[in-house]
């Protein structure tokens, strides 16, 4: 009988999904005839190790505690006005990169309305584990 090899470190993953979080922020500059967004919505998917979900005891010390990250995102969103969604997203990515438990992530930020009271417009970015590691090594926007 052959003993199976242990799984590779990236063999499995779990995700934490935050959807439609309305953040309080000021993004962009608008003229008198422009449509000013009334909401900015954040979607964030964090890839973590399955061991942080399949736990052997009901204890916060066994899981990824996302509450401090959400508080940091809220702080970043309200800290200053932004010219672009992309820069706020970059700062949120840097906040995520500070947590070694996060292996990869996908972030989307959209605003609504866009035209005549309808539509949403956003930017989405996915960083796989190698790209996130490179981001960590190169410093962060924060």
N, C-alpha and C. Protein backbone atom coordinates (compact mmCIF):
# COMPACT_ATOMS: atom_id res chain seq x y z
N UNK A 1 0.84 -1.18 0.00
CA UNK A 1 0.00 0.00 0.00
C UNK A 1 0.89 1.24 0.00
N UNK A 2 0.55 2.20 -0.83
CA UNK A 2 1.30 3.44 -0.94
C UNK A 2 0.62 4.52 -0.12
N UNK A 3 1.40 5.27 0.63
CA UNK A 3 0.87 6.38 1.41
C UNK A 3 0.81 7.60 0.49
N UNK A 4 -0.38 8.25 0.40
CA UNK A 4 -0.46 9.42 -0.48
C UNK A 4 0.40 10.56 0.04
N UNK A 5 0.91 11.33 -0.89
CA UNK A 5 1.70 12.51 -0.52
C UNK A 5 0.78 13.56 0.06
N UNK A 6 1.30 14.36 0.98
CA UNK A 6 0.47 15.45 1.51
C UNK A 6 0.14 16.44 0.40
N UNK A 7 -0.99 17.11 0.51
CA UNK A 7 -1.35 18.06 -0.55
C UNK A 7 -0.37 19.23 -0.59
N UNK A 8 -0.21 19.79 -1.77
CA UNK A 8 0.63 20.98 -1.93
C UNK A 8 0.00 22.14 -1.17
N UNK A 9 0.80 23.12 -0.75
CA UNK A 9 0.26 24.23 0.04
C UNK A 9 -0.92 24.95 -0.62
N UNK A 10 -0.92 25.04 -1.95
CA UNK A 10 -2.01 25.71 -2.64
C UNK A 10 -3.02 24.73 -3.23
N UNK A 11 -3.05 23.50 -2.72
CA UNK A 11 -3.93 22.49 -3.30
C UNK A 11 -5.39 22.79 -3.05
N UNK A 12 -5.71 23.42 -1.98
CA UNK A 12 -7.09 23.75 -1.69
C UNK A 12 -7.19 25.19 -1.24
N UNK A 13 -8.39 25.69 -1.26
CA UNK A 13 -8.60 27.04 -0.77
C UNK A 13 -10.03 27.21 -0.29
N UNK A 14 -10.23 28.22 0.47
CA UNK A 14 -11.56 28.62 0.92
C UNK A 14 -11.68 30.10 0.60
N UNK A 15 -12.89 30.59 0.54
CA UNK A 15 -13.07 32.01 0.26
C UNK A 15 -13.95 32.65 1.31
N UNK A 16 -13.63 33.88 1.58
CA UNK A 16 -14.49 34.77 2.36
C UNK A 16 -15.03 35.76 1.35
N UNK A 17 -16.34 35.92 1.32
CA UNK A 17 -16.97 36.78 0.31
C UNK A 17 -17.74 37.90 0.97
N UNK A 18 -17.37 39.10 0.63
CA UNK A 18 -18.08 40.31 1.07
C UNK A 18 -18.73 40.89 -0.18
N UNK A 19 -20.03 41.09 -0.15
CA UNK A 19 -20.75 41.56 -1.33
C UNK A 19 -21.58 42.79 -1.01
N UNK A 20 -21.58 43.72 -1.96
CA UNK A 20 -22.48 44.87 -1.93
C UNK A 20 -22.36 45.71 -0.67
N UNK A 21 -21.13 45.83 -0.15
CA UNK A 21 -20.91 46.68 1.01
C UNK A 21 -20.92 48.13 0.55
N UNK A 22 -21.90 48.89 1.01
CA UNK A 22 -21.96 50.31 0.65
C UNK A 22 -21.01 51.06 1.55
N UNK A 23 -19.97 51.62 0.93
CA UNK A 23 -18.96 52.34 1.71
C UNK A 23 -19.22 53.84 1.59
N UNK A 24 -18.88 54.53 2.65
CA UNK A 24 -19.00 55.98 2.67
C UNK A 24 -17.67 56.55 2.20
N UNK A 25 -17.70 57.17 1.02
CA UNK A 25 -16.48 57.72 0.45
C UNK A 25 -16.84 58.82 -0.55
N UNK A 26 -15.87 59.61 -0.91
CA UNK A 26 -16.03 60.63 -1.94
C UNK A 26 -15.02 60.35 -3.03
N UNK A 27 -15.52 60.01 -4.22
CA UNK A 27 -14.64 59.67 -5.35
C UNK A 27 -15.04 60.51 -6.54
N UNK A 28 -14.05 61.17 -7.14
CA UNK A 28 -14.29 61.92 -8.36
C UNK A 28 -14.60 63.38 -8.11
N UNK A 29 -14.63 64.12 -9.20
CA UNK A 29 -15.06 65.51 -9.15
C UNK A 29 -16.12 65.68 -10.22
N UNK A 30 -17.13 66.46 -9.91
CA UNK A 30 -18.29 66.53 -10.77
C UNK A 30 -18.70 67.97 -11.03
N UNK A 31 -19.14 68.22 -12.26
CA UNK A 31 -19.65 69.52 -12.64
C UNK A 31 -21.13 69.62 -12.35
N UNK A 32 -21.72 70.79 -12.61
CA UNK A 32 -23.13 71.00 -12.27
C UNK A 32 -24.10 70.10 -13.04
N UNK A 33 -23.72 69.64 -14.23
CA UNK A 33 -24.62 68.79 -15.02
C UNK A 33 -24.26 67.31 -14.96
N UNK A 34 -23.27 66.96 -14.18
CA UNK A 34 -22.83 65.55 -14.08
C UNK A 34 -23.73 64.77 -13.13
N UNK A 35 -23.80 63.46 -13.37
CA UNK A 35 -24.50 62.56 -12.46
C UNK A 35 -23.54 62.24 -11.31
N UNK A 36 -23.96 62.56 -10.11
CA UNK A 36 -23.14 62.29 -8.93
C UNK A 36 -23.63 60.98 -8.31
N UNK A 37 -22.74 60.02 -8.13
CA UNK A 37 -23.15 58.75 -7.56
C UNK A 37 -23.72 58.91 -6.16
N UNK A 38 -24.74 58.12 -5.86
CA UNK A 38 -25.28 58.14 -4.50
C UNK A 38 -24.82 56.92 -3.70
N UNK A 39 -24.08 56.01 -4.35
CA UNK A 39 -23.57 54.84 -3.63
C UNK A 39 -22.30 54.31 -4.30
N UNK A 40 -21.39 53.85 -3.46
CA UNK A 40 -20.20 53.13 -3.91
C UNK A 40 -20.26 51.76 -3.22
N UNK A 41 -20.23 50.71 -4.03
CA UNK A 41 -20.42 49.35 -3.52
C UNK A 41 -19.14 48.54 -3.72
N UNK A 42 -18.73 47.87 -2.67
CA UNK A 42 -17.51 47.06 -2.67
C UNK A 42 -17.86 45.59 -2.64
N UNK A 43 -17.21 44.83 -3.52
CA UNK A 43 -17.22 43.37 -3.48
C UNK A 43 -15.79 42.93 -3.23
N UNK A 44 -15.60 42.01 -2.32
CA UNK A 44 -14.27 41.54 -1.99
C UNK A 44 -14.32 40.04 -1.72
N UNK A 45 -13.51 39.29 -2.45
CA UNK A 45 -13.38 37.85 -2.23
C UNK A 45 -11.94 37.58 -1.83
N UNK A 46 -11.78 36.98 -0.69
CA UNK A 46 -10.46 36.67 -0.15
C UNK A 46 -10.26 35.16 -0.17
N UNK A 47 -9.17 34.72 -0.76
CA UNK A 47 -8.83 33.30 -0.76
C UNK A 47 -7.91 33.04 0.42
N UNK A 48 -8.31 32.07 1.24
CA UNK A 48 -7.55 31.71 2.43
C UNK A 48 -7.36 30.19 2.46
N UNK A 49 -6.55 29.72 3.38
CA UNK A 49 -6.32 28.29 3.53
C UNK A 49 -7.57 27.60 4.06
N UNK A 50 -7.87 26.41 3.58
CA UNK A 50 -9.06 25.70 4.06
C UNK A 50 -9.01 25.41 5.56
N UNK A 51 -7.80 25.34 6.10
CA UNK A 51 -7.66 25.07 7.53
C UNK A 51 -8.24 26.19 8.39
N UNK A 52 -8.47 27.35 7.78
CA UNK A 52 -9.07 28.47 8.51
C UNK A 52 -10.60 28.42 8.45
N UNK A 53 -11.13 27.42 7.77
CA UNK A 53 -12.59 27.22 7.70
C UNK A 53 -12.97 25.87 8.31
N UNK A 54 -12.22 24.83 7.96
CA UNK A 54 -12.48 23.50 8.52
C UNK A 54 -11.71 23.41 9.83
N UNK A 55 -12.38 23.77 10.92
CA UNK A 55 -11.70 23.91 12.20
C UNK A 55 -12.15 22.83 13.18
N UNK A 56 -11.30 22.56 14.15
CA UNK A 56 -11.58 21.49 15.11
C UNK A 56 -12.15 22.01 16.43
N UNK A 57 -12.31 23.31 16.54
CA UNK A 57 -12.89 23.90 17.76
C UNK A 57 -13.58 25.20 17.38
N UNK A 58 -14.63 25.52 18.10
CA UNK A 58 -15.40 26.74 17.83
C UNK A 58 -14.72 27.91 18.54
N UNK A 59 -13.67 28.44 17.88
CA UNK A 59 -12.87 29.50 18.50
C UNK A 59 -12.39 30.47 17.43
N UNK A 60 -12.47 31.75 17.72
CA UNK A 60 -12.01 32.77 16.78
C UNK A 60 -10.53 32.63 16.46
N UNK A 61 -9.76 32.09 17.38
CA UNK A 61 -8.33 31.91 17.14
C UNK A 61 -8.05 30.90 16.02
N UNK A 62 -9.05 30.14 15.62
CA UNK A 62 -8.90 29.13 14.58
C UNK A 62 -9.26 29.63 13.18
N UNK A 63 -9.86 30.82 13.09
CA UNK A 63 -10.36 31.32 11.82
C UNK A 63 -9.69 32.64 11.45
N UNK A 64 -9.92 33.09 10.24
CA UNK A 64 -9.46 34.41 9.83
C UNK A 64 -10.49 35.43 10.32
N UNK A 65 -10.07 36.32 11.18
CA UNK A 65 -10.96 37.36 11.72
C UNK A 65 -10.95 38.53 10.75
N UNK A 66 -12.03 38.67 10.00
CA UNK A 66 -12.11 39.71 8.97
C UNK A 66 -12.59 41.05 9.50
N UNK A 67 -13.08 41.11 10.73
CA UNK A 67 -13.60 42.38 11.27
C UNK A 67 -12.56 43.51 11.27
N UNK A 68 -11.31 43.26 11.68
CA UNK A 68 -10.32 44.35 11.62
C UNK A 68 -10.06 44.84 10.19
N UNK A 69 -10.12 43.94 9.22
CA UNK A 69 -9.93 44.34 7.82
C UNK A 69 -11.09 45.22 7.36
N UNK A 70 -12.30 44.87 7.71
CA UNK A 70 -13.46 45.68 7.33
C UNK A 70 -13.37 47.06 7.98
N UNK A 71 -12.94 47.11 9.22
CA UNK A 71 -12.77 48.41 9.89
C UNK A 71 -11.70 49.24 9.18
N UNK A 72 -10.63 48.60 8.73
CA UNK A 72 -9.56 49.31 8.01
C UNK A 72 -10.07 49.85 6.67
N UNK A 73 -10.86 49.03 5.96
CA UNK A 73 -11.43 49.47 4.69
C UNK A 73 -12.34 50.67 4.91
N UNK A 74 -13.16 50.63 5.94
CA UNK A 74 -14.05 51.75 6.26
C UNK A 74 -13.23 53.01 6.54
N UNK A 75 -12.15 52.85 7.29
CA UNK A 75 -11.28 53.99 7.59
C UNK A 75 -10.66 54.56 6.31
N UNK A 76 -10.13 53.69 5.46
CA UNK A 76 -9.52 54.15 4.21
C UNK A 76 -10.53 54.89 3.33
N UNK A 77 -11.73 54.37 3.25
CA UNK A 77 -12.76 54.97 2.40
C UNK A 77 -13.11 56.38 2.86
N UNK A 78 -13.13 56.60 4.17
CA UNK A 78 -13.55 57.88 4.71
C UNK A 78 -12.40 58.84 5.00
N UNK A 79 -11.19 58.33 4.93
CA UNK A 79 -10.01 59.11 5.33
C UNK A 79 -9.79 60.37 4.51
N UNK A 80 -10.13 60.30 3.23
CA UNK A 80 -9.84 61.43 2.33
C UNK A 80 -10.69 61.30 1.08
N UNK A 81 -10.83 62.38 0.32
CA UNK A 81 -11.48 62.25 -0.98
C UNK A 81 -10.51 61.63 -1.99
N UNK A 82 -11.05 60.92 -2.95
CA UNK A 82 -10.26 60.25 -3.98
C UNK A 82 -10.63 60.78 -5.35
N UNK A 83 -9.66 60.92 -6.23
CA UNK A 83 -9.92 61.30 -7.61
C UNK A 83 -10.42 60.09 -8.40
N UNK A 84 -9.94 58.87 -8.02
CA UNK A 84 -10.28 57.67 -8.79
C UNK A 84 -10.68 56.51 -7.88
N UNK A 85 -11.53 55.64 -8.41
CA UNK A 85 -11.86 54.38 -7.73
C UNK A 85 -10.63 53.50 -7.60
N UNK A 86 -9.80 53.56 -8.64
CA UNK A 86 -8.63 52.68 -8.69
C UNK A 86 -7.67 52.92 -7.54
N UNK A 87 -7.50 54.17 -7.14
CA UNK A 87 -6.56 54.44 -6.04
C UNK A 87 -7.13 53.93 -4.71
N UNK A 88 -8.41 54.11 -4.49
CA UNK A 88 -9.01 53.54 -3.28
C UNK A 88 -8.88 52.02 -3.30
N UNK A 89 -9.12 51.41 -4.44
CA UNK A 89 -8.96 49.96 -4.55
C UNK A 89 -7.52 49.55 -4.24
N UNK A 90 -6.56 50.31 -4.74
CA UNK A 90 -5.14 50.00 -4.48
C UNK A 90 -4.83 50.05 -3.00
N UNK A 91 -5.42 50.99 -2.29
CA UNK A 91 -5.20 51.10 -0.85
C UNK A 91 -5.87 49.94 -0.11
N UNK A 92 -7.03 49.51 -0.58
CA UNK A 92 -7.72 48.36 0.03
C UNK A 92 -6.90 47.09 -0.22
N UNK A 93 -6.36 46.94 -1.41
CA UNK A 93 -5.50 45.79 -1.71
C UNK A 93 -4.29 45.78 -0.79
N UNK A 94 -3.68 46.93 -0.56
CA UNK A 94 -2.54 47.01 0.35
C UNK A 94 -2.95 46.59 1.77
N UNK A 95 -4.14 46.99 2.18
CA UNK A 95 -4.63 46.59 3.51
C UNK A 95 -4.80 45.07 3.57
N UNK A 96 -5.31 44.48 2.50
CA UNK A 96 -5.47 43.02 2.45
C UNK A 96 -4.11 42.32 2.46
N UNK A 97 -3.15 42.89 1.74
CA UNK A 97 -1.82 42.29 1.64
C UNK A 97 -1.11 42.24 2.99
N UNK A 98 -1.55 43.06 3.92
CA UNK A 98 -0.94 43.05 5.25
C UNK A 98 -1.29 41.78 6.04
N UNK A 99 -2.24 41.01 5.55
CA UNK A 99 -2.66 39.78 6.22
C UNK A 99 -2.07 38.59 5.48
N UNK A 100 -1.09 37.90 6.05
CA UNK A 100 -0.48 36.76 5.36
C UNK A 100 -1.45 35.61 5.13
N UNK A 101 -2.56 35.57 5.87
CA UNK A 101 -3.56 34.51 5.69
C UNK A 101 -4.26 34.63 4.34
N UNK A 102 -4.26 35.82 3.74
CA UNK A 102 -4.92 36.03 2.46
C UNK A 102 -3.96 35.61 1.35
N UNK A 103 -4.36 34.56 0.62
CA UNK A 103 -3.51 34.01 -0.43
C UNK A 103 -3.70 34.70 -1.77
N UNK A 104 -4.92 35.09 -2.06
CA UNK A 104 -5.28 35.74 -3.32
C UNK A 104 -6.55 36.53 -3.05
N UNK A 105 -6.89 37.42 -3.98
CA UNK A 105 -8.10 38.20 -3.76
C UNK A 105 -8.68 38.68 -5.07
N UNK A 106 -9.96 39.00 -5.01
CA UNK A 106 -10.65 39.68 -6.10
C UNK A 106 -11.41 40.83 -5.48
N UNK A 107 -11.27 42.00 -6.08
CA UNK A 107 -11.93 43.20 -5.56
C UNK A 107 -12.68 43.88 -6.69
N UNK A 108 -13.85 44.35 -6.37
CA UNK A 108 -14.64 45.13 -7.32
C UNK A 108 -15.22 46.33 -6.60
N UNK A 109 -15.16 47.48 -7.22
CA UNK A 109 -15.74 48.69 -6.66
C UNK A 109 -16.56 49.34 -7.75
N UNK A 110 -17.83 49.61 -7.46
CA UNK A 110 -18.69 50.21 -8.46
C UNK A 110 -19.50 51.34 -7.85
N UNK A 111 -19.93 52.25 -8.73
CA UNK A 111 -20.74 53.38 -8.29
C UNK A 111 -22.06 53.34 -9.04
N UNK A 112 -23.07 53.93 -8.41
CA UNK A 112 -24.37 54.04 -9.06
C UNK A 112 -25.06 55.31 -8.59
N UNK A 113 -25.90 55.92 -9.36
CA UNK A 113 -26.19 55.63 -10.76
C UNK A 113 -25.14 56.23 -11.69
N UNK A 114 -25.25 55.87 -12.97
CA UNK A 114 -24.30 56.35 -13.96
C UNK A 114 -24.96 57.35 -14.91
N UNK A 115 -26.18 57.07 -15.33
CA UNK A 115 -26.86 57.93 -16.30
C UNK A 115 -28.36 57.87 -16.07
N UNK A 116 -28.98 59.01 -15.96
CA UNK A 116 -30.43 59.12 -15.83
C UNK A 116 -30.98 58.25 -14.69
N UNK A 117 -30.25 58.21 -13.59
CA UNK A 117 -30.70 57.46 -12.42
C UNK A 117 -30.55 55.96 -12.53
N UNK A 118 -29.84 55.47 -13.55
CA UNK A 118 -29.73 54.02 -13.75
C UNK A 118 -28.28 53.60 -13.88
N UNK A 119 -28.07 52.30 -13.83
CA UNK A 119 -26.78 51.69 -14.11
C UNK A 119 -25.78 51.78 -12.98
N UNK A 120 -24.78 50.95 -13.11
CA UNK A 120 -23.63 51.01 -12.20
C UNK A 120 -22.38 50.84 -13.06
N UNK A 121 -21.30 51.41 -12.59
CA UNK A 121 -20.04 51.36 -13.31
C UNK A 121 -18.95 51.03 -12.31
N UNK A 122 -18.12 50.05 -12.65
CA UNK A 122 -17.10 49.67 -11.69
C UNK A 122 -15.84 49.11 -12.32
N UNK A 123 -14.91 48.83 -11.43
CA UNK A 123 -13.63 48.25 -11.79
C UNK A 123 -13.46 46.99 -10.96
N UNK A 124 -12.94 45.92 -11.57
CA UNK A 124 -12.71 44.65 -10.87
C UNK A 124 -11.29 44.20 -11.15
N UNK A 125 -10.64 43.65 -10.12
CA UNK A 125 -9.27 43.19 -10.25
C UNK A 125 -9.11 41.89 -9.46
N UNK A 126 -8.42 40.93 -10.05
CA UNK A 126 -8.10 39.67 -9.37
C UNK A 126 -6.58 39.57 -9.26
N UNK A 127 -6.09 39.31 -8.06
CA UNK A 127 -4.67 39.05 -7.84
C UNK A 127 -4.53 37.61 -7.35
N UNK A 128 -3.88 36.79 -8.17
CA UNK A 128 -3.59 35.42 -7.76
C UNK A 128 -2.47 35.45 -6.73
N UNK A 129 -2.16 34.30 -6.16
CA UNK A 129 -1.19 34.25 -5.06
C UNK A 129 0.18 34.81 -5.43
N UNK A 130 0.68 34.51 -6.62
CA UNK A 130 2.00 35.02 -7.02
C UNK A 130 1.99 36.54 -7.15
N UNK A 131 0.92 37.07 -7.73
CA UNK A 131 0.82 38.53 -7.89
C UNK A 131 0.68 39.23 -6.55
N UNK A 132 -0.07 38.62 -5.63
CA UNK A 132 -0.23 39.21 -4.31
C UNK A 132 1.10 39.16 -3.54
N UNK A 133 1.83 38.06 -3.68
CA UNK A 133 3.16 37.96 -3.04
C UNK A 133 4.11 39.01 -3.61
N UNK A 134 4.06 39.24 -4.90
CA UNK A 134 4.89 40.26 -5.53
C UNK A 134 4.50 41.65 -5.02
N UNK A 135 3.21 41.87 -4.86
CA UNK A 135 2.72 43.15 -4.32
C UNK A 135 3.25 43.35 -2.89
N UNK A 136 3.22 42.29 -2.10
CA UNK A 136 3.72 42.37 -0.72
C UNK A 136 5.21 42.72 -0.71
N UNK A 137 5.95 42.09 -1.58
CA UNK A 137 7.41 42.29 -1.62
C UNK A 137 7.77 43.68 -2.11
N UNK A 138 6.93 44.27 -2.96
CA UNK A 138 7.23 45.56 -3.53
C UNK A 138 6.76 46.73 -2.73
N UNK A 139 6.19 46.49 -1.57
CA UNK A 139 5.66 47.59 -0.78
C UNK A 139 4.19 47.79 -1.07
N UNK A 140 3.59 48.69 -0.37
CA UNK A 140 2.14 48.84 -0.47
C UNK A 140 1.76 50.29 -0.52
N UNK A 141 0.59 50.53 -1.09
CA UNK A 141 -0.02 51.85 -1.09
C UNK A 141 -0.95 51.88 0.10
N UNK A 142 -0.71 52.72 1.05
CA UNK A 142 -1.57 52.60 2.20
C UNK A 142 -1.86 53.81 2.93
